[in-house]
PDB file of N, CA and C in Angstrom:
ATOM      1  N   MET A   1     -38.954  12.222 -88.975  1.00  0.00           N
ATOM      2  CA  MET A   1     -39.450  12.780 -87.734  1.00  0.00           C
ATOM      3  C   MET A   1     -39.657  11.625 -86.742  1.00  0.00           C
ATOM      4  N   GLY A   2     -39.218  11.813 -85.523  1.00  0.00           N
ATOM      5  CA  GLY A   2     -39.371  10.805 -84.477  1.00  0.00           C
ATOM      6  C   GLY A   2     -40.735  10.877 -83.824  1.00  0.00           C
ATOM      7  N   GLN A   3     -40.930  10.012 -82.902  1.00  0.00           N
ATOM      8  CA  GLN A   3     -42.199   9.957 -82.177  1.00  0.00           C
ATOM      9  C   GLN A   3     -42.263  11.091 -81.159  1.00  0.00           C
ATOM     10  N   PHE A   4     -43.396  11.792 -81.109  1.00  0.00           N
ATOM     11  CA  PHE A   4     -43.595  12.868 -80.138  1.00  0.00           C
ATOM     12  C   PHE A   4     -43.819  12.250 -78.767  1.00  0.00           C
ATOM     13  N   LYS A   5     -43.262  12.875 -77.749  1.00  0.00           N
ATOM     14  CA  LYS A   5     -43.378  12.339 -76.395  1.00  0.00           C
ATOM     15  C   LYS A   5     -43.800  13.447 -75.432  1.00  0.00           C
ATOM     16  N   ASP A   6     -45.037  13.387 -74.970  1.00  0.00           N
ATOM     17  CA  ASP A   6     -45.590  14.349 -74.020  1.00  0.00           C
ATOM     18  C   ASP A   6     -45.510  13.723 -72.623  1.00  0.00           C
ATOM     19  N   GLU A   7     -44.489  14.089 -71.870  1.00  0.00           N
ATOM     20  CA  GLU A   7     -44.226  13.475 -70.558  1.00  0.00           C
ATOM     21  C   GLU A   7     -45.405  13.622 -69.596  1.00  0.00           C
ATOM     22  N   LYS A   8     -46.045  14.778 -69.600  1.00  0.00           N
ATOM     23  CA  LYS A   8     -47.179  14.998 -68.690  1.00  0.00           C
ATOM     24  C   LYS A   8     -48.347  14.076 -69.028  1.00  0.00           C
ATOM     25  N   LEU A   9     -48.638  13.941 -70.310  1.00  0.00           N
ATOM     26  CA  LEU A   9     -49.727  13.065 -70.729  1.00  0.00           C
ATOM     27  C   LEU A   9     -49.394  11.607 -70.420  1.00  0.00           C
ATOM     28  N   ILE A  10     -48.170  11.207 -70.657  1.00  0.00           N
ATOM     29  CA  ILE A  10     -47.746   9.831 -70.359  1.00  0.00           C
ATOM     30  C   ILE A  10     -47.930   9.548 -68.878  1.00  0.00           C
ATOM     31  N   LYS A  11     -47.559  10.478 -68.023  1.00  0.00           N
ATOM     32  CA  LYS A  11     -47.728  10.294 -66.573  1.00  0.00           C
ATOM     33  C   LYS A  11     -49.202  10.176 -66.197  1.00  0.00           C
ATOM     34  N   ARG A  12     -50.053  10.988 -66.809  1.00  0.00           N
ATOM     35  CA  ARG A  12     -51.485  10.931 -66.501  1.00  0.00           C
ATOM     36  C   ARG A  12     -52.090   9.601 -66.926  1.00  0.00           C
ATOM     37  N   VAL A  13     -51.706   9.139 -68.118  1.00  0.00           N
ATOM     38  CA  VAL A  13     -52.207   7.864 -68.623  1.00  0.00           C
ATOM     39  C   VAL A  13     -51.698   6.725 -67.756  1.00  0.00           C
ATOM     40  N   SER A  14     -50.416   6.728 -67.448  1.00  0.00           N
ATOM     41  CA  SER A  14     -49.833   5.639 -66.647  1.00  0.00           C
ATOM     42  C   SER A  14     -50.442   5.594 -65.249  1.00  0.00           C
ATOM     43  N   SER A  15     -50.675   6.751 -64.674  1.00  0.00           N
ATOM     44  CA  SER A  15     -51.285   6.821 -63.352  1.00  0.00           C
ATOM     45  C   SER A  15     -52.712   6.257 -63.377  1.00  0.00           C
ATOM     46  N   LYS A  16     -53.451   6.571 -64.434  1.00  0.00           N
ATOM     47  CA  LYS A  16     -54.828   6.090 -64.543  1.00  0.00           C
ATOM     48  C   LYS A  16     -54.853   4.572 -64.725  1.00  0.00           C
ATOM     49  N   ILE A  17     -53.930   4.041 -65.520  1.00  0.00           N
ATOM     50  CA  ILE A  17     -53.855   2.590 -65.708  1.00  0.00           C
ATOM     51  C   ILE A  17     -53.603   1.915 -64.363  1.00  0.00           C
ATOM     52  N   LYS A  18     -52.655   2.441 -63.603  1.00  0.00           N
ATOM     53  CA  LYS A  18     -52.329   1.841 -62.304  1.00  0.00           C
ATOM     54  C   LYS A  18     -53.522   1.926 -61.353  1.00  0.00           C
ATOM     55  N   LYS A  19     -54.193   3.052 -61.347  1.00  0.00           N
ATOM     56  CA  LYS A  19     -55.354   3.247 -60.473  1.00  0.00           C
ATOM     57  C   LYS A  19     -56.448   2.223 -60.799  1.00  0.00           C
ATOM     58  N   ILE A  20     -56.712   2.019 -62.076  1.00  0.00           N
ATOM     59  CA  ILE A  20     -57.729   1.053 -62.492  1.00  0.00           C
ATOM     60  C   ILE A  20     -57.308  -0.359 -62.098  1.00  0.00           C
ATOM     61  N   ARG A  21     -56.050  -0.703 -62.366  1.00  0.00           N
ATOM     62  CA  ARG A  21     -55.564  -2.047 -62.043  1.00  0.00           C
ATOM     63  C   ARG A  21     -55.670  -2.328 -60.553  1.00  0.00           C
ATOM     64  N   MET A  22     -55.263  -1.374 -59.750  1.00  0.00           N
ATOM     65  CA  MET A  22     -55.296  -1.568 -58.303  1.00  0.00           C
ATOM     66  C   MET A  22     -56.739  -1.647 -57.790  1.00  0.00           C
ATOM     67  N   ALA A  23     -57.631  -0.848 -58.358  1.00  0.00           N
ATOM     68  CA  ALA A  23     -59.039  -0.882 -57.949  1.00  0.00           C
ATOM     69  C   ALA A  23     -59.660  -2.242 -58.257  1.00  0.00           C
ATOM     70  N   LYS A  24     -59.193  -2.876 -59.313  1.00  0.00           N
ATOM     71  CA  LYS A  24     -59.701  -4.191 -59.686  1.00  0.00           C
ATOM     72  C   LYS A  24     -58.922  -5.317 -59.013  1.00  0.00           C
ATOM     73  N   LYS A  25     -57.937  -4.934 -58.193  1.00  0.00           N
ATOM     74  CA  LYS A  25     -57.133  -5.896 -57.425  1.00  0.00           C
ATOM     75  C   LYS A  25     -56.451  -6.933 -58.320  1.00  0.00           C
ATOM     76  N   ILE A  26     -55.833  -6.438 -59.392  1.00  0.00           N
ATOM     77  CA  ILE A  26     -55.111  -7.294 -60.326  1.00  0.00           C
ATOM     78  C   ILE A  26     -53.623  -7.001 -60.163  1.00  0.00           C
ATOM     79  N   THR A  27     -52.828  -8.046 -59.976  1.00  0.00           N
ATOM     80  CA  THR A  27     -51.385  -7.855 -59.828  1.00  0.00           C
ATOM     81  C   THR A  27     -50.750  -7.647 -61.202  1.00  0.00           C
ATOM     82  N   LEU A  28     -49.547  -7.077 -61.184  1.00  0.00           N
ATOM     83  CA  LEU A  28     -48.795  -6.914 -62.427  1.00  0.00           C
ATOM     84  C   LEU A  28     -48.534  -8.282 -63.059  1.00  0.00           C
ATOM     85  N   GLU A  29     -48.227  -9.252 -62.224  1.00  0.00           N
ATOM     86  CA  GLU A  29     -47.939 -10.600 -62.705  1.00  0.00           C
ATOM     87  C   GLU A  29     -49.174 -11.222 -63.368  1.00  0.00           C
ATOM     88  N   ASP A  30     -50.315 -11.117 -62.729  1.00  0.00           N
ATOM     89  CA  ASP A  30     -51.543 -11.654 -63.312  1.00  0.00           C
ATOM     90  C   ASP A  30     -51.865 -10.970 -64.642  1.00  0.00           C
ATOM     91  N   PHE A  31     -51.700  -9.662 -64.672  1.00  0.00           N
ATOM     92  CA  PHE A  31     -51.973  -8.919 -65.899  1.00  0.00           C
ATOM     93  C   PHE A  31     -51.066  -9.412 -67.021  1.00  0.00           C
ATOM     94  N   TYR A  32     -49.780  -9.596 -66.712  1.00  0.00           N
ATOM     95  CA  TYR A  32     -48.833 -10.066 -67.720  1.00  0.00           C
ATOM     96  C   TYR A  32     -49.209 -11.464 -68.210  1.00  0.00           C
ATOM     97  N   PHE A  33     -49.518 -12.366 -67.298  1.00  0.00           N
ATOM     98  CA  PHE A  33     -49.876 -13.728 -67.689  1.00  0.00           C
ATOM     99  C   PHE A  33     -51.134 -13.750 -68.560  1.00  0.00           C
ATOM    100  N   ASP A  34     -52.067 -12.854 -68.276  1.00  0.00           N
ATOM    101  CA  ASP A  34     -53.319 -12.813 -69.039  1.00  0.00           C
ATOM    102  C   ASP A  34     -53.175 -12.126 -70.396  1.00  0.00           C
ATOM    103  N   THR A  35     -52.256 -11.158 -70.518  1.00  0.00           N
ATOM    104  CA  THR A  35     -52.186 -10.331 -71.731  1.00  0.00           C
ATOM    105  C   THR A  35     -50.857 -10.372 -72.470  1.00  0.00           C
ATOM    106  N   GLY A  36     -49.767 -10.681 -71.755  1.00  0.00           N
ATOM    107  CA  GLY A  36     -48.440 -10.607 -72.366  1.00  0.00           C
ATOM    108  C   GLY A  36     -47.889  -9.189 -72.386  1.00  0.00           C
ATOM    109  N   ILE A  37     -48.589  -8.267 -71.751  1.00  0.00           N
ATOM    110  CA  ILE A  37     -48.165  -6.852 -71.698  1.00  0.00           C
ATOM    111  C   ILE A  37     -47.503  -6.595 -70.358  1.00  0.00           C
ATOM    112  N   HIS A  38     -46.288  -6.039 -70.396  1.00  0.00           N
ATOM    113  CA  HIS A  38     -45.574  -5.666 -69.173  1.00  0.00           C
ATOM    114  C   HIS A  38     -46.057  -4.283 -68.732  1.00  0.00           C
ATOM    115  N   LEU A  39     -46.799  -4.233 -67.649  1.00  0.00           N
ATOM    116  CA  LEU A  39     -47.353  -2.959 -67.175  1.00  0.00           C
ATOM    117  C   LEU A  39     -46.395  -2.163 -66.295  1.00  0.00           C
ATOM    118  N   ALA A  40     -45.391  -2.790 -65.729  1.00  0.00           N
ATOM    119  CA  ALA A  40     -44.531  -2.094 -64.766  1.00  0.00           C
ATOM    120  C   ALA A  40     -43.932  -0.820 -65.359  1.00  0.00           C
ATOM    121  N   ARG A  41     -43.299  -0.926 -66.516  1.00  0.00           N
ATOM    122  CA  ARG A  41     -42.692   0.260 -67.143  1.00  0.00           C
ATOM    123  C   ARG A  41     -43.760   1.261 -67.593  1.00  0.00           C
ATOM    124  N   ILE A  42     -44.891   0.743 -68.016  1.00  0.00           N
ATOM    125  CA  ILE A  42     -45.982   1.629 -68.442  1.00  0.00           C
ATOM    126  C   ILE A  42     -46.488   2.430 -67.248  1.00  0.00           C
ATOM    127  N   GLU A  43     -46.719   1.736 -66.124  1.00  0.00           N
ATOM    128  CA  GLU A  43     -47.239   2.410 -64.934  1.00  0.00           C
ATOM    129  C   GLU A  43     -46.226   3.388 -64.334  1.00  0.00           C
ATOM    130  N   GLN A  44     -44.964   3.194 -64.592  1.00  0.00           N
ATOM    131  CA  GLN A  44     -43.932   4.106 -64.104  1.00  0.00           C
ATOM    132  C   GLN A  44     -43.782   5.317 -65.025  1.00  0.00           C
ATOM    133  N   GLY A  45     -44.501   5.315 -66.138  1.00  0.00           N
ATOM    134  CA  GLY A  45     -44.419   6.431 -67.079  1.00  0.00           C
ATOM    135  C   GLY A  45     -43.160   6.401 -67.911  1.00  0.00           C
ATOM    136  N   LYS A  46     -42.526   5.244 -68.021  1.00  0.00           N
ATOM    137  CA  LYS A  46     -41.270   5.120 -68.766  1.00  0.00           C
ATOM    138  C   LYS A  46     -41.488   4.615 -70.190  1.00  0.00           C
ATOM    139  N   SER A  47     -42.730   4.381 -70.544  1.00  0.00           N
ATOM    140  CA  SER A  47     -43.029   3.841 -71.858  1.00  0.00           C
ATOM    141  C   SER A  47     -44.121   4.667 -72.526  1.00  0.00           C
ATOM    142  N   ASN A  48     -43.853   5.099 -73.744  1.00  0.00           N
ATOM    143  CA  ASN A  48     -44.816   5.852 -74.535  1.00  0.00           C
ATOM    144  C   ASN A  48     -45.604   4.834 -75.357  1.00  0.00           C
ATOM    145  N   ILE A  49     -46.682   4.320 -74.782  1.00  0.00           N
ATOM    146  CA  ILE A  49     -47.406   3.210 -75.404  1.00  0.00           C
ATOM    147  C   ILE A  49     -48.240   3.669 -76.598  1.00  0.00           C
ATOM    148  N   SER A  50     -48.535   2.718 -77.466  1.00  0.00           N
ATOM    149  CA  SER A  50     -49.376   3.014 -78.631  1.00  0.00           C
ATOM    150  C   SER A  50     -50.848   2.997 -78.215  1.00  0.00           C
ATOM    151  N   ILE A  51     -51.669   3.573 -79.059  1.00  0.00           N
ATOM    152  CA  ILE A  51     -53.107   3.567 -78.801  1.00  0.00           C
ATOM    153  C   ILE A  51     -53.628   2.131 -78.881  1.00  0.00           C
ATOM    154  N   SER A  52     -52.995   1.297 -79.689  1.00  0.00           N
ATOM    155  CA  SER A  52     -53.390  -0.111 -79.782  1.00  0.00           C
ATOM    156  C   SER A  52     -53.136  -0.836 -78.471  1.00  0.00           C
ATOM    157  N   THR A  53     -51.985  -0.572 -77.849  1.00  0.00           N
ATOM    158  CA  THR A  53     -51.679  -1.186 -76.556  1.00  0.00           C
ATOM    159  C   THR A  53     -52.657  -0.689 -75.504  1.00  0.00           C
ATOM    160  N   LEU A  54     -52.934   0.601 -75.500  1.00  0.00           N
ATOM    161  CA  LEU A  54     -53.905   1.140 -74.550  1.00  0.00           C
ATOM    162  C   LEU A  54     -55.277   0.513 -74.782  1.00  0.00           C
ATOM    163  N   GLY A  55     -55.622   0.287 -76.032  1.00  0.00           N
ATOM    164  CA  GLY A  55     -56.891  -0.361 -76.349  1.00  0.00           C
ATOM    165  C   GLY A  55     -56.965  -1.764 -75.764  1.00  0.00           C
ATOM    166  N   GLN A  56     -55.864  -2.507 -75.834  1.00  0.00           N
ATOM    167  CA  GLN A  56     -55.822  -3.851 -75.266  1.00  0.00           C
ATOM    168  C   GLN A  56     -55.926  -3.816 -73.741  1.00  0.00           C
ATOM    169  N   ILE A  57     -55.268  -2.824 -73.137  1.00  0.00           N
ATOM    170  CA  ILE A  57     -55.336  -2.659 -71.679  1.00  0.00           C
ATOM    171  C   ILE A  57     -56.776  -2.366 -71.263  1.00  0.00           C
ATOM    172  N   CYS A  58     -57.419  -1.448 -71.964  1.00  0.00           N
ATOM    173  CA  CYS A  58     -58.813  -1.109 -71.649  1.00  0.00           C
ATOM    174  C   CYS A  58     -59.733  -2.301 -71.857  1.00  0.00           C
ATOM    175  N   LYS A  59     -59.502  -3.057 -72.916  1.00  0.00           N
ATOM    176  CA  LYS A  59     -60.318  -4.245 -73.181  1.00  0.00           C
ATOM    177  C   LYS A  59     -60.193  -5.228 -72.021  1.00  0.00           C
ATOM    178  N   TYR A  60     -58.985  -5.430 -71.523  1.00  0.00           N
ATOM    179  CA  TYR A  60     -58.762  -6.333 -70.394  1.00  0.00           C
ATOM    180  C   TYR A  60     -59.539  -5.866 -69.162  1.00  0.00           C
ATOM    181  N   PHE A  61     -59.533  -4.560 -68.917  1.00  0.00           N
ATOM    182  CA  PHE A  61     -60.224  -4.001 -67.759  1.00  0.00           C
ATOM    183  C   PHE A  61     -61.724  -3.802 -68.013  1.00  0.00           C
ATOM    184  N   ASN A  62     -62.162  -4.137 -69.231  1.00  0.00           N
ATOM    185  CA  ASN A  62     -63.566  -4.031 -69.605  1.00  0.00           C
ATOM    186  C   ASN A  62     -64.082  -2.589 -69.542  1.00  0.00           C
ATOM    187  N   ILE A  63     -63.257  -1.673 -70.049  1.00  0.00           N
ATOM    188  CA  ILE A  63     -63.672  -0.270 -70.165  1.00  0.00           C
ATOM    189  C   ILE A  63     -63.374   0.207 -71.585  1.00  0.00           C
ATOM    190  N   SER A  64     -64.110   1.190 -72.041  1.00  0.00           N
ATOM    191  CA  SER A  64     -63.878   1.732 -73.380  1.00  0.00           C
ATOM    192  C   SER A  64     -62.773   2.797 -73.307  1.00  0.00           C
ATOM    193  N   LEU A  65     -62.195   3.088 -74.452  1.00  0.00           N
ATOM    194  CA  LEU A  65     -61.219   4.179 -74.511  1.00  0.00           C
ATOM    195  C   LEU A  65     -61.882   5.497 -74.117  1.00  0.00           C
ATOM    196  N   TYR A  66     -63.130   5.663 -74.514  1.00  0.00           N
ATOM    197  CA  TYR A  66     -63.870   6.871 -74.126  1.00  0.00           C
ATOM    198  C   TYR A  66     -63.925   7.008 -72.608  1.00  0.00           C
ATOM    199  N   ASP A  67     -64.308   5.915 -71.939  1.00  0.00           N
ATOM    200  CA  ASP A  67     -64.382   5.939 -70.474  1.00  0.00           C
ATOM    201  C   ASP A  67     -63.006   6.172 -69.864  1.00  0.00           C
ATOM    202  N   PHE A  68     -61.981   5.594 -70.457  1.00  0.00           N
ATOM    203  CA  PHE A  68     -60.632   5.775 -69.940  1.00  0.00           C
ATOM    204  C   PHE A  68     -60.230   7.253 -69.940  1.00  0.00           C
ATOM    205  N   PHE A  69     -60.498   7.938 -71.056  1.00  0.00           N
ATOM    206  CA  PHE A  69     -60.070   9.337 -71.188  1.00  0.00           C
ATOM    207  C   PHE A  69     -61.041  10.344 -70.589  1.00  0.00           C
ATOM    208  N   GLU A  70     -62.252   9.903 -70.237  1.00  0.00           N
ATOM    209  CA  GLU A  70     -63.240  10.820 -69.673  1.00  0.00           C
ATOM    210  C   GLU A  70     -62.686  11.458 -68.403  1.00  0.00           C
ATOM    211  N   GLY A  71     -62.754  12.752 -68.318  1.00  0.00           N
ATOM    212  CA  GLY A  71     -62.288  13.479 -67.143  1.00  0.00           C
ATOM    213  C   GLY A  71     -60.797  13.783 -67.132  1.00  0.00           C
ATOM    214  N   MET A  72     -60.102  13.404 -68.175  1.00  0.00           N
ATOM    215  CA  MET A  72     -58.663  13.687 -68.220  1.00  0.00           C
ATOM    216  C   MET A  72     -58.482  15.057 -68.773  1.00  0.00           C
TER     217      MET A  72
END
C-alpha cells in the first residue's frame, strides 16, 4: 500500500506554514540555512511531509504541534 495523500489537508498545512513563516518575517533562504529543510515545495503544497518534518518546522517556529493544528 502506498502513502495516502489528502490534497486538501496538504494545502491547509502548507498554507499555515507559510503564514507562520511570513508573520515571523523569516525568508525561505534563512529557514533553509537554519534547518536544512526546503520549504518552497512544502509551502506550494507539492510535498506530503512527514509528521517528523512538521515537528521540526514547528520547533523552529517555537510552536507546538497542538498549537499548529488548533483551529484547523
